[in-house]
Every structure is written in C-alpha cells, then in structure tokens.
Amino acid sequence: MDESRPIFQQIAELIENDIIEGSLAEGAQIPSINEFAAFYRINPATALKGVNRLVDDGFVEKRRGIGMFVAIGARGALIERRRAEFTEQYIRPLLVEADKLGIDIEELAALVRAERIES
C-alpha cells in the first residue's frame, strides 16, 4: 500500500484496475470486505469505504445476502472515466508545455512515438 494516499482509495483503485484489466469480469463477484481486510491487514471499515465508493459510482452493485458484484457496463465506464482523467492530468499540461516550447502536434507525436519505441 502507498502511504501517501488514503487506503480506502487504494482499495477502490485496485478493484477498478482489476475490472479494467478483465481479471474481474462484469457480473463477477468481488472479494468480500473481510477478505480485503485480512489480505491487506486493514480495518474492515476501511475496506468497506473503498468498496462503497465503487458502489456509489455505479461500478459495483450489492446483492443483499450474496455479496458484491461488478456492475454490467462498469469496464467501459471506468475506461471512459480514466481516459478523461488522463487527458486532464497529462495531455492538457503536455500540450501547454509543448506550445511554450514551440513544439507542434506532428513533432510532439513523433517524440511520443520515439519514446514508446525506447521503453
């Protein structure tokens, strides 16, 4: 776990990542709160707060007496949200800096392609 961010947020992101990557398919049951708490050695209330964040966002649904499941459409919605966040956090600042440096879109694209090949 990352000490710089709230644990409940990290639990939510772990589940989101599993949904995006496909290791938690839509309709699949997610681990129980107690399983999260035991595995990460955290308070069950903290694990519940992370999962409830996903429930509130509509990515996970509670089925009374059965457990929690990945909502249908969650993967696509998560990808869409993450793309918007990616644009806001990385693309816009990149474009602003490129503009300051006089780097046009074609040159910027070439730099990105070259960096991708190197990594």
Protein backbone atom coordinates (compact mmCIF):
# COMPACT_ATOMS: atom_id res chain seq x y z
CA MET A 1 0.00 0.00 0.00
CA ASP A 2 1.06 3.56 -0.73
CA GLU A 3 1.46 5.63 2.46
CA SER A 4 0.81 8.92 0.63
CA ARG A 5 -2.84 8.19 -0.25
CA PRO A 6 -5.83 7.01 1.79
CA ILE A 7 -6.06 3.21 1.97
CA PHE A 8 -9.76 3.15 1.05
CA GLN A 9 -8.92 5.00 -2.16
CA GLN A 10 -6.20 2.47 -2.97
CA ILE A 11 -8.63 -0.44 -2.39
CA ALA A 12 -11.10 1.17 -4.81
CA GLU A 13 -8.33 1.67 -7.40
CA LEU A 14 -7.15 -1.95 -7.06
CA ILE A 15 -10.66 -3.15 -7.83
CA GLU A 16 -11.01 -0.65 -10.69
CA ASN A 17 -7.74 -1.88 -12.17
CA ASP A 18 -8.90 -5.49 -11.97
CA ILE A 19 -12.13 -4.54 -13.74
CA ILE A 20 -10.31 -2.60 -16.48
CA GLU A 21 -7.75 -5.39 -16.99
CA GLY A 22 -10.51 -8.00 -17.13
CA SER A 23 -9.44 -10.10 -14.16
CA LEU A 24 -12.77 -9.08 -12.58
CA ALA A 25 -15.36 -9.51 -15.31
CA GLU A 26 -18.69 -7.72 -15.39
CA GLY A 27 -21.13 -9.73 -13.30
CA ALA A 28 -18.30 -11.36 -11.30
CA GLN A 29 -18.32 -11.33 -7.53
CA ILE A 30 -15.61 -9.24 -5.91
CA PRO A 31 -13.78 -10.43 -2.78
CA SER A 32 -15.60 -9.83 0.47
CA ILE A 33 -14.82 -6.93 2.78
CA ASN A 34 -13.33 -9.37 5.27
CA GLU A 35 -11.10 -10.88 2.57
CA PHE A 36 -9.79 -7.42 1.64
CA ALA A 37 -9.27 -6.56 5.30
CA ALA A 38 -7.39 -9.80 6.02
CA PHE A 39 -5.28 -9.72 2.86
CA TYR A 40 -4.19 -6.09 3.24
CA ARG A 41 -4.24 -6.17 7.06
CA ILE A 42 -6.57 -3.22 7.30
CA ASN A 43 -9.71 -2.41 9.24
CA PRO A 44 -12.83 -3.86 7.58
CA ALA A 45 -14.46 -0.41 7.78
CA THR A 46 -11.63 0.96 5.61
CA ALA A 47 -12.13 -1.80 3.04
CA LEU A 48 -15.88 -1.17 3.10
CA LYS A 49 -15.33 2.54 2.48
CA GLY A 50 -13.29 1.73 -0.64
CA VAL A 51 -15.86 -0.71 -1.99
CA ASN A 52 -18.74 1.64 -1.17
CA ARG A 53 -17.05 4.31 -3.25
CA LEU A 54 -17.36 1.95 -6.24
CA VAL A 55 -20.97 1.18 -5.33
CA ASP A 56 -21.75 4.91 -5.16
CA ASP A 57 -20.12 5.39 -8.59
CA GLY A 58 -22.17 2.51 -10.03
CA PHE A 59 -19.23 0.21 -10.84
CA VAL A 60 -20.08 -2.38 -8.17
CA GLU A 61 -23.52 -3.47 -7.03
CA LYS A 62 -24.59 -5.00 -3.72
CA ARG A 63 -26.77 -8.08 -3.76
CA ARG A 64 -28.28 -8.46 -0.34
CA GLY A 65 -27.20 -11.67 1.37
CA ILE A 66 -24.99 -12.72 -1.57
CA GLY A 67 -22.17 -10.19 -1.88
CA MET A 68 -20.90 -7.51 -4.18
CA PHE A 69 -20.59 -7.85 -7.94
CA VAL A 70 -19.07 -5.91 -10.82
CA ALA A 71 -21.87 -3.97 -12.49
CA ILE A 72 -22.68 -4.55 -16.14
CA GLY A 73 -21.07 -1.74 -18.14
CA ALA A 74 -18.53 -0.99 -15.41
CA ARG A 75 -15.46 -1.70 -17.54
CA GLY A 76 -16.45 0.68 -20.32
CA ALA A 77 -17.49 3.39 -17.87
CA LEU A 78 -14.23 3.05 -15.94
CA ILE A 79 -12.16 3.26 -19.11
CA GLU A 80 -14.10 6.35 -20.18
CA ARG A 81 -13.56 7.99 -16.78
CA ARG A 82 -9.86 7.09 -16.70
CA ARG A 83 -9.38 8.49 -20.23
CA ALA A 84 -10.95 11.77 -19.16
CA GLU A 85 -8.70 11.87 -16.09
CA PHE A 86 -5.67 11.02 -18.25
CA THR A 87 -6.49 13.87 -20.60
CA GLU A 88 -6.89 16.32 -17.74
CA GLN A 89 -3.79 15.23 -15.81
CA TYR A 90 -1.35 14.54 -18.64
CA ILE A 91 -2.47 15.58 -22.12
CA ARG A 92 -3.55 19.14 -21.38
CA PRO A 93 -0.38 20.01 -19.41
CA LEU A 94 1.71 18.32 -22.13
CA LEU A 95 0.08 20.43 -24.82
CA VAL A 96 0.54 23.62 -22.81
CA GLU A 97 4.25 22.88 -22.31
CA ALA A 98 4.73 21.84 -25.94
CA ASP A 99 3.14 25.12 -27.02
CA LYS A 100 5.51 27.07 -24.76
CA LEU A 101 8.46 25.28 -26.37
CA GLY A 102 7.21 25.76 -29.92
CA ILE A 103 6.63 22.02 -30.46
CA ASP A 104 3.81 21.44 -32.95
CA ILE A 105 1.46 18.45 -32.86
CA GLU A 106 3.37 16.46 -35.51
CA GLU A 107 6.67 16.90 -33.69
CA LEU A 108 5.03 16.04 -30.38
CA ALA A 109 3.55 12.88 -31.88
CA ALA A 110 6.99 11.92 -33.22
CA LEU A 111 8.51 12.45 -29.76
CA VAL A 112 5.83 10.26 -28.19
CA ARG A 113 6.35 7.52 -30.78
CA ALA A 114 10.13 7.63 -30.29
CA GLU A 115 9.75 7.41 -26.52
CA ARG A 116 7.33 4.48 -26.83
CA ILE A 117 9.82 2.58 -29.02
CA GLU A 118 12.61 3.15 -26.46
CA SER A 119 10.57 1.94 -23.48
